[in-house]
Amino acid sequence: YMDAFQRLLSLNFTSRQEREIVHVILHCSLSEKAFNPFYALLASKFLSVKHNFVITFKYALWDRLKLIEGGEMNLRDMTL
């Protein structure tokens, strides 16, 4: 996970592109059939580096939970 983290940071993304990292991590982790600790470790590393990642993760999760609560999505479709 450290290799992936360092490689992603070395790409010098803009702040908008950095937010996509969060969405990709969420998408990949939710696409796995079983829990994969790699994504949790990678996410925690990003969360520890920049507060912007914390905010982005919160909003991304809240958006998915609102869709589930509103009946627009079920738990199996969470990767949308």
PDB file of N, CA and C in Angstrom:
ATOM      1  N   TYR A   1       0.810  -1.196   0.000  1.00  0.00           N
ATOM      2  CA  TYR A   1       0.000   0.000   0.000  1.00  0.00           C
ATOM      3  C   TYR A   1       0.856   1.263   0.000  1.00  0.00           C
ATOM      4  N   MET A   2       2.016   1.182   0.616  1.00  0.00           N
ATOM      5  CA  MET A   2       2.904   2.358   0.646  1.00  0.00           C
ATOM      6  C   MET A   2       3.409   2.690  -0.755  1.00  0.00           C
ATOM      7  N   ASP A   3       3.690   1.667  -1.540  1.00  0.00           N
ATOM      8  CA  ASP A   3       4.136   1.887  -2.910  1.00  0.00           C
ATOM      9  C   ASP A   3       3.041   2.594  -3.710  1.00  0.00           C
ATOM     10  N   ALA A   4       1.817   2.107  -3.586  1.00  0.00           N
ATOM     11  CA  ALA A   4       0.694   2.733  -4.301  1.00  0.00           C
ATOM     12  C   ALA A   4       0.495   4.167  -3.825  1.00  0.00           C
ATOM     13  N   PHE A   5       0.579   4.384  -2.528  1.00  0.00           N
ATOM     14  CA  PHE A   5       0.424   5.724  -1.961  1.00  0.00           C
ATOM     15  C   PHE A   5       1.493   6.673  -2.504  1.00  0.00           C
ATOM     16  N   GLN A   6       2.737   6.250  -2.466  1.00  0.00           N
ATOM     17  CA  GLN A   6       3.830   7.102  -2.935  1.00  0.00           C
ATOM     18  C   GLN A   6       3.726   7.381  -4.425  1.00  0.00           C
ATOM     19  N   ARG A   7       3.335   6.392  -5.192  1.00  0.00           N
ATOM     20  CA  ARG A   7       3.197   6.592  -6.639  1.00  0.00           C
ATOM     21  C   ARG A   7       2.064   7.571  -6.957  1.00  0.00           C
ATOM     22  N   LEU A   8       0.950   7.451  -6.241  1.00  0.00           N
ATOM     23  CA  LEU A   8      -0.160   8.373  -6.461  1.00  0.00           C
ATOM     24  C   LEU A   8       0.214   9.796  -6.069  1.00  0.00           C
ATOM     25  N   LEU A   9       0.916   9.951  -4.963  1.00  0.00           N
ATOM     26  CA  LEU A   9       1.342  11.295  -4.552  1.00  0.00           C
ATOM     27  C   LEU A   9       2.344  11.899  -5.531  1.00  0.00           C
ATOM     28  N   SER A  10       3.172  11.074  -6.127  1.00  0.00           N
ATOM     29  CA  SER A  10       4.201  11.586  -7.039  1.00  0.00           C
ATOM     30  C   SER A  10       3.610  12.096  -8.357  1.00  0.00           C
ATOM     31  N   LEU A  11       2.328  11.786  -8.611  1.00  0.00           N
ATOM     32  CA  LEU A  11       1.701  12.227  -9.857  1.00  0.00           C
ATOM     33  C   LEU A  11       1.320  13.709  -9.843  1.00  0.00           C
ATOM     34  N   ASN A  12       1.400  14.354  -8.675  1.00  0.00           N
ATOM     35  CA  ASN A  12       1.113  15.788  -8.547  1.00  0.00           C
ATOM     36  C   ASN A  12      -0.236  16.161  -9.154  1.00  0.00           C
ATOM     37  N   PHE A  13      -1.284  15.504  -8.693  1.00  0.00           N
ATOM     38  CA  PHE A  13      -2.629  15.800  -9.153  1.00  0.00           C
ATOM     39  C   PHE A  13      -3.087  17.174  -8.683  1.00  0.00           C
ATOM     40  N   THR A  14      -4.030  17.742  -9.412  1.00  0.00           N
ATOM     41  CA  THR A  14      -4.690  18.954  -8.933  1.00  0.00           C
ATOM     42  C   THR A  14      -5.627  18.545  -7.804  1.00  0.00           C
ATOM     43  N   SER A  15      -6.170  19.523  -7.091  1.00  0.00           N
ATOM     44  CA  SER A  15      -7.055  19.183  -5.967  1.00  0.00           C
ATOM     45  C   SER A  15      -8.298  18.439  -6.450  1.00  0.00           C
ATOM     46  N   ARG A  16      -8.787  18.778  -7.616  1.00  0.00           N
ATOM     47  CA  ARG A  16      -9.953  18.082  -8.174  1.00  0.00           C
ATOM     48  C   ARG A  16      -9.600  16.630  -8.512  1.00  0.00           C
ATOM     49  N   GLN A  17      -8.433  16.420  -9.068  1.00  0.00           N
ATOM     50  CA  GLN A  17      -8.006  15.064  -9.403  1.00  0.00           C
ATOM     51  C   GLN A  17      -7.735  14.244  -8.141  1.00  0.00           C
ATOM     52  N   GLU A  18      -7.252  14.907  -7.080  1.00  0.00           N
ATOM     53  CA  GLU A  18      -7.015  14.211  -5.816  1.00  0.00           C
ATOM     54  C   GLU A  18      -8.317  13.635  -5.264  1.00  0.00           C
ATOM     55  N   ARG A  19      -9.419  14.352  -5.461  1.00  0.00           N
ATOM     56  CA  ARG A  19     -10.710  13.866  -4.982  1.00  0.00           C
ATOM     57  C   ARG A  19     -11.109  12.581  -5.690  1.00  0.00           C
ATOM     58  N   GLU A  20     -10.675  12.422  -6.916  1.00  0.00           N
ATOM     59  CA  GLU A  20     -10.994  11.200  -7.650  1.00  0.00           C
ATOM     60  C   GLU A  20     -10.307   9.985  -7.046  1.00  0.00           C
ATOM     61  N   ILE A  21      -9.170  10.189  -6.398  1.00  0.00           N
ATOM     62  CA  ILE A  21      -8.481   9.088  -5.727  1.00  0.00           C
ATOM     63  C   ILE A  21      -9.422   8.447  -4.714  1.00  0.00           C
ATOM     64  N   VAL A  22     -10.134   9.280  -3.969  1.00  0.00           N
ATOM     65  CA  VAL A  22     -11.083   8.791  -2.964  1.00  0.00           C
ATOM     66  C   VAL A  22     -12.170   7.945  -3.626  1.00  0.00           C
ATOM     67  N   HIS A  23     -12.724   8.460  -4.709  1.00  0.00           N
ATOM     68  CA  HIS A  23     -13.799   7.736  -5.390  1.00  0.00           C
ATOM     69  C   HIS A  23     -13.301   6.407  -5.970  1.00  0.00           C
ATOM     70  N   VAL A  24     -12.096   6.390  -6.463  1.00  0.00           N
ATOM     71  CA  VAL A  24     -11.529   5.144  -7.011  1.00  0.00           C
ATOM     72  C   VAL A  24     -11.273   4.134  -5.892  1.00  0.00           C
ATOM     73  N   ILE A  25     -10.739   4.593  -4.769  1.00  0.00           N
ATOM     74  CA  ILE A  25     -10.514   3.686  -3.640  1.00  0.00           C
ATOM     75  C   ILE A  25     -11.838   3.093  -3.164  1.00  0.00           C
ATOM     76  N   LEU A  26     -12.862   3.936  -3.032  1.00  0.00           N
ATOM     77  CA  LEU A  26     -14.176   3.438  -2.612  1.00  0.00           C
ATOM     78  C   LEU A  26     -14.740   2.443  -3.619  1.00  0.00           C
ATOM     79  N   HIS A  27     -14.651   2.790  -4.875  1.00  0.00           N
ATOM     80  CA  HIS A  27     -15.181   1.911  -5.916  1.00  0.00           C
ATOM     81  C   HIS A  27     -14.480   0.549  -5.897  1.00  0.00           C
ATOM     82  N   CYS A  28     -13.168   0.574  -5.830  1.00  0.00           N
ATOM     83  CA  CYS A  28     -12.408  -0.681  -5.838  1.00  0.00           C
ATOM     84  C   CYS A  28     -12.681  -1.511  -4.589  1.00  0.00           C
ATOM     85  N   SER A  29     -12.733  -0.865  -3.439  1.00  0.00           N
ATOM     86  CA  SER A  29     -12.957  -1.626  -2.208  1.00  0.00           C
ATOM     87  C   SER A  29     -14.359  -2.221  -2.163  1.00  0.00           C
ATOM     88  N   LEU A  30     -15.335  -1.517  -2.689  1.00  0.00           N
ATOM     89  CA  LEU A  30     -16.706  -2.028  -2.687  1.00  0.00           C
ATOM     90  C   LEU A  30     -16.933  -3.069  -3.783  1.00  0.00           C
ATOM     91  N   SER A  31     -16.061  -3.103  -4.761  1.00  0.00           N
ATOM     92  CA  SER A  31     -16.179  -4.084  -5.833  1.00  0.00           C
ATOM     93  C   SER A  31     -15.650  -5.456  -5.435  1.00  0.00           C
ATOM     94  N   GLU A  32     -14.836  -5.500  -4.408  1.00  0.00           N
ATOM     95  CA  GLU A  32     -14.267  -6.769  -3.939  1.00  0.00           C
ATOM     96  C   GLU A  32     -15.357  -7.616  -3.291  1.00  0.00           C
ATOM     97  N   LYS A  33     -15.297  -8.909  -3.496  1.00  0.00           N
ATOM     98  CA  LYS A  33     -16.275  -9.805  -2.871  1.00  0.00           C
ATOM     99  C   LYS A  33     -16.003  -9.961  -1.384  1.00  0.00           C
ATOM    100  N   ALA A  34     -14.754  -9.962  -1.009  1.00  0.00           N
ATOM    101  CA  ALA A  34     -14.361 -10.083   0.400  1.00  0.00           C
ATOM    102  C   ALA A  34     -13.559  -8.839   0.786  1.00  0.00           C
ATOM    103  N   PHE A  35     -13.512  -8.555   2.075  1.00  0.00           N
ATOM    104  CA  PHE A  35     -12.763  -7.404   2.565  1.00  0.00           C
ATOM    105  C   PHE A  35     -11.298  -7.528   2.173  1.00  0.00           C
ATOM    106  N   ASN A  36     -10.759  -6.466   1.608  1.00  0.00           N
ATOM    107  CA  ASN A  36      -9.352  -6.430   1.228  1.00  0.00           C
ATOM    108  C   ASN A  36      -8.688  -5.323   2.033  1.00  0.00           C
ATOM    109  N   PRO A  37      -7.821  -5.661   2.978  1.00  0.00           N
ATOM    110  CA  PRO A  37      -7.215  -4.649   3.846  1.00  0.00           C
ATOM    111  C   PRO A  37      -6.334  -3.643   3.100  1.00  0.00           C
ATOM    112  N   PHE A  38      -5.928  -3.959   1.884  1.00  0.00           N
ATOM    113  CA  PHE A  38      -5.106  -3.041   1.101  1.00  0.00           C
ATOM    114  C   PHE A  38      -5.789  -1.682   0.962  1.00  0.00           C
ATOM    115  N   TYR A  39      -7.077  -1.686   0.624  1.00  0.00           N
ATOM    116  CA  TYR A  39      -7.796  -0.434   0.404  1.00  0.00           C
ATOM    117  C   TYR A  39      -7.979   0.346   1.704  1.00  0.00           C
ATOM    118  N   ALA A  40      -8.171  -0.361   2.801  1.00  0.00           N
ATOM    119  CA  ALA A  40      -8.296   0.303   4.101  1.00  0.00           C
ATOM    120  C   ALA A  40      -6.979   0.966   4.486  1.00  0.00           C
ATOM    121  N   LEU A  41      -5.883   0.271   4.260  1.00  0.00           N
ATOM    122  CA  LEU A  41      -4.567   0.841   4.581  1.00  0.00           C
ATOM    123  C   LEU A  41      -4.254   2.039   3.681  1.00  0.00           C
ATOM    124  N   LEU A  42      -4.567   1.895   2.409  1.00  0.00           N
ATOM    125  CA  LEU A  42      -4.318   2.988   1.471  1.00  0.00           C
ATOM    126  C   LEU A  42      -5.159   4.202   1.834  1.00  0.00           C
ATOM    127  N   ALA A  43      -6.430   3.984   2.128  1.00  0.00           N
ATOM    128  CA  ALA A  43      -7.316   5.083   2.507  1.00  0.00           C
ATOM    129  C   ALA A  43      -6.835   5.743   3.793  1.00  0.00           C
ATOM    130  N   SER A  44      -6.449   4.952   4.781  1.00  0.00           N
ATOM    131  CA  SER A  44      -5.995   5.535   6.050  1.00  0.00           C
ATOM    132  C   SER A  44      -4.727   6.358   5.867  1.00  0.00           C
ATOM    133  N   LYS A  45      -3.878   5.941   4.951  1.00  0.00           N
ATOM    134  CA  LYS A  45      -2.652   6.711   4.684  1.00  0.00           C
ATOM    135  C   LYS A  45      -3.001   8.066   4.068  1.00  0.00           C
ATOM    136  N   PHE A  46      -3.928   8.076   3.106  1.00  0.00           N
ATOM    137  CA  PHE A  46      -4.353   9.346   2.514  1.00  0.00           C
ATOM    138  C   PHE A  46      -5.046  10.228   3.557  1.00  0.00           C
ATOM    139  N   LEU A  47      -5.849   9.612   4.413  1.00  0.00           N
ATOM    140  CA  LEU A  47      -6.553  10.372   5.444  1.00  0.00           C
ATOM    141  C   LEU A  47      -5.586  11.004   6.440  1.00  0.00           C
ATOM    142  N   SER A  48      -4.472  10.353   6.687  1.00  0.00           N
ATOM    143  CA  SER A  48      -3.504  10.885   7.647  1.00  0.00           C
ATOM    144  C   SER A  48      -2.643  12.001   7.060  1.00  0.00           C
ATOM    145  N   VAL A  49      -2.626  12.119   5.738  1.00  0.00           N
ATOM    146  CA  VAL A  49      -1.754  13.103   5.093  1.00  0.00           C
ATOM    147  C   VAL A  49      -2.434  14.462   4.914  1.00  0.00           C
ATOM    148  N   LYS A  50      -3.676  14.453   4.450  1.00  0.00           N
ATOM    149  CA  LYS A  50      -4.365  15.699   4.126  1.00  0.00           C
ATOM    150  C   LYS A  50      -5.783  15.678   4.643  1.00  0.00           C
ATOM    151  N   HIS A  51      -6.187  16.777   5.257  1.00  0.00           N
ATOM    152  CA  HIS A  51      -7.552  16.887   5.760  1.00  0.00           C
ATOM    153  C   HIS A  51      -8.564  16.897   4.620  1.00  0.00           C
ATOM    154  N   ASN A  52      -8.154  17.342   3.441  1.00  0.00           N
ATOM    155  CA  ASN A  52      -9.070  17.349   2.290  1.00  0.00           C
ATOM    156  C   ASN A  52      -9.582  15.948   1.969  1.00  0.00           C
ATOM    157  N   PHE A  53      -8.754  14.947   2.169  1.00  0.00           N
ATOM    158  CA  PHE A  53      -9.172  13.575   1.919  1.00  0.00           C
ATOM    159  C   PHE A  53     -10.237  13.137   2.919  1.00  0.00           C
ATOM    160  N   VAL A  54     -10.125  13.599   4.154  1.00  0.00           N
ATOM    161  CA  VAL A  54     -11.127  13.275   5.178  1.00  0.00           C
ATOM    162  C   VAL A  54     -12.489  13.814   4.749  1.00  0.00           C
ATOM    163  N   ILE A  55     -12.518  15.054   4.328  1.00  0.00           N
ATOM    164  CA  ILE A  55     -13.772  15.685   3.898  1.00  0.00           C
ATOM    165  C   ILE A  55     -14.336  14.956   2.678  1.00  0.00           C
ATOM    166  N   THR A  56     -13.502  14.648   1.725  1.00  0.00           N
ATOM    167  CA  THR A  56     -13.962  13.986   0.506  1.00  0.00           C
ATOM    168  C   THR A  56     -14.516  12.600   0.812  1.00  0.00           C
ATOM    169  N   PHE A  57     -13.842  11.834   1.694  1.00  0.00           N
ATOM    170  CA  PHE A  57     -14.356  10.521   2.073  1.00  0.00           C
ATOM    171  C   PHE A  57     -15.716  10.647   2.757  1.00  0.00           C
ATOM    172  N   LYS A  58     -15.854  11.626   3.639  1.00  0.00           N
ATOM    173  CA  LYS A  58     -17.132  11.818   4.331  1.00  0.00           C
ATOM    174  C   LYS A  58     -18.254  12.071   3.332  1.00  0.00           C
ATOM    175  N   TYR A  59     -18.031  13.000   2.418  1.00  0.00           N
ATOM    176  CA  TYR A  59     -19.076  13.334   1.457  1.00  0.00           C
ATOM    177  C   TYR A  59     -19.384  12.166   0.516  1.00  0.00           C
ATOM    178  N   ALA A  60     -18.374  11.444   0.102  1.00  0.00           N
ATOM    179  CA  ALA A  60     -18.592  10.307  -0.787  1.00  0.00           C
ATOM    180  C   ALA A  60     -19.419   9.222  -0.093  1.00  0.00           C
ATOM    181  N   LEU A  61     -19.109   8.958   1.161  1.00  0.00           N
ATOM    182  CA  LEU A  61     -19.875   7.963   1.910  1.00  0.00           C
ATOM    183  C   LEU A  61     -21.292   8.452   2.197  1.00  0.00           C
ATOM    184  N   TRP A  62     -21.427   9.717   2.572  1.00  0.00           N
ATOM    185  CA  TRP A  62     -22.757  10.279   2.840  1.00  0.00           C
ATOM    186  C   TRP A  62     -23.628  10.214   1.591  1.00  0.00           C
ATOM    187  N   ASP A  63     -23.044  10.523   0.433  1.00  0.00           N
ATOM    188  CA  ASP A  63     -23.821  10.478  -0.812  1.00  0.00           C
ATOM    189  C   ASP A  63     -24.351   9.076  -1.068  1.00  0.00           C
ATOM    190  N   ARG A  64     -23.532   8.066  -0.853  1.00  0.00           N
ATOM    191  CA  ARG A  64     -23.972   6.685  -1.065  1.00  0.00           C
ATOM    192  C   ARG A  64     -25.032   6.283  -0.045  1.00  0.00           C
ATOM    193  N   LEU A  65     -24.846   6.707   1.211  1.00  0.00           N
ATOM    194  CA  LEU A  65     -25.825   6.369   2.246  1.00  0.00           C
ATOM    195  C   LEU A  65     -27.168   7.044   1.991  1.00  0.00           C
ATOM    196  N   LYS A  66     -27.149   8.261   1.477  1.00  0.00           N
ATOM    197  CA  LYS A  66     -28.401   8.952   1.137  1.00  0.00           C
ATOM    198  C   LYS A  66     -29.141   8.217   0.027  1.00  0.00           C
ATOM    199  N   LEU A  67     -28.410   7.719  -0.949  1.00  0.00           N
ATOM    200  CA  LEU A  67     -29.044   6.957  -2.029  1.00  0.00           C
ATOM    201  C   LEU A  67     -29.667   5.667  -1.505  1.00  0.00           C
ATOM    202  N   ILE A  68     -28.997   5.017  -0.568  1.00  0.00           N
ATOM    203  CA  ILE A  68     -29.538   3.795   0.025  1.00  0.00           C
ATOM    204  C   ILE A  68     -30.774   4.126   0.849  1.00  0.00           C
ATOM    205  N   GLU A  69     -30.687   5.177   1.643  1.00  0.00           N
ATOM    206  CA  GLU A  69     -31.799   5.578   2.494  1.00  0.00           C
ATOM    207  C   GLU A  69     -33.025   5.971   1.665  1.00  0.00           C
ATOM    208  N   GLY A  70     -32.811   6.618   0.546  1.00  0.00           N
ATOM    209  CA  GLY A  70     -33.902   7.038  -0.318  1.00  0.00           C
ATOM    210  C   GLY A  70     -34.449   5.928  -1.196  1.00  0.00           C
ATOM    211  N   GLY A  71     -33.860   4.752  -1.124  1.00  0.00           N
ATOM    212  CA  GLY A  71     -34.336   3.622  -1.905  1.00  0.00           C
ATOM    213  C   GLY A  71     -33.867   3.632  -3.347  1.00  0.00           C
ATOM    214  N   GLU A  72     -32.996   4.556  -3.703  1.00  0.00           N
ATOM    215  CA  GLU A  72     -32.487   4.634  -5.070  1.00  0.00           C
ATOM    216  C   GLU A  72     -31.381   3.624  -5.333  1.00  0.00           C
ATOM    217  N   MET A  73     -30.833   3.063  -4.253  1.00  0.00           N
ATOM    218  CA  MET A  73     -29.733   2.118  -4.373  1.00  0.00           C
ATOM    219  C   MET A  73     -29.841   1.134  -3.220  1.00  0.00           C
ATOM    220  N   ASN A  74     -29.475  -0.123  -3.475  1.00  0.00           N
ATOM    221  CA  ASN A  74     -29.395  -1.057  -2.362  1.00  0.00           C
ATOM    222  C   ASN A  74     -27.929  -1.341  -2.065  1.00  0.00           C
ATOM    223  N   LEU A  75     -27.690  -2.066  -1.009  1.00  0.00           N
ATOM    224  CA  LEU A  75     -26.297  -2.302  -0.590  1.00  0.00           C
ATOM    225  C   LEU A  75     -25.464  -3.019  -1.635  1.00  0.00           C
ATOM    226  N   ARG A  76     -26.084  -3.861  -2.432  1.00  0.00           N
ATOM    227  CA  ARG A  76     -25.343  -4.589  -3.469  1.00  0.00           C
ATOM    228  C   ARG A  76     -24.910  -3.665  -4.600  1.00  0.00           C
ATOM    229  N   ASP A  77     -25.621  -2.550  -4.798  1.00  0.00           N
ATOM    230  CA  ASP A  77     -25.304  -1.620  -5.880  1.00  0.00           C
ATOM    231  C   ASP A  77     -24.452  -0.451  -5.413  1.00  0.00           C
ATOM    232  N   MET A  78     -23.837  -0.552  -4.259  1.00  0.00           N
ATOM    233  CA  MET A  78     -23.126   0.577  -3.687  1.00  0.00           C
ATOM    234  C   MET A  78     -21.935   1.037  -4.509  1.00  0.00           C
ATOM    235  N   THR A  79     -21.469   0.271  -5.447  1.00  0.00           N
ATOM    236  CA  THR A  79     -20.286   0.646  -6.198  1.00  0.00           C
ATOM    237  C   THR A  79     -20.565   1.650  -7.309  1.00  0.00           C
ATOM    238  N   LEU A  80     -21.793   2.025  -7.503  1.00  0.00           N
ATOM    239  CA  LEU A  80     -22.116   2.974  -8.574  1.00  0.00           C
ATOM    240  C   LEU A  80     -21.426   4.301  -8.384  1.00  0.00           C
TER     241      LEU A  80
END
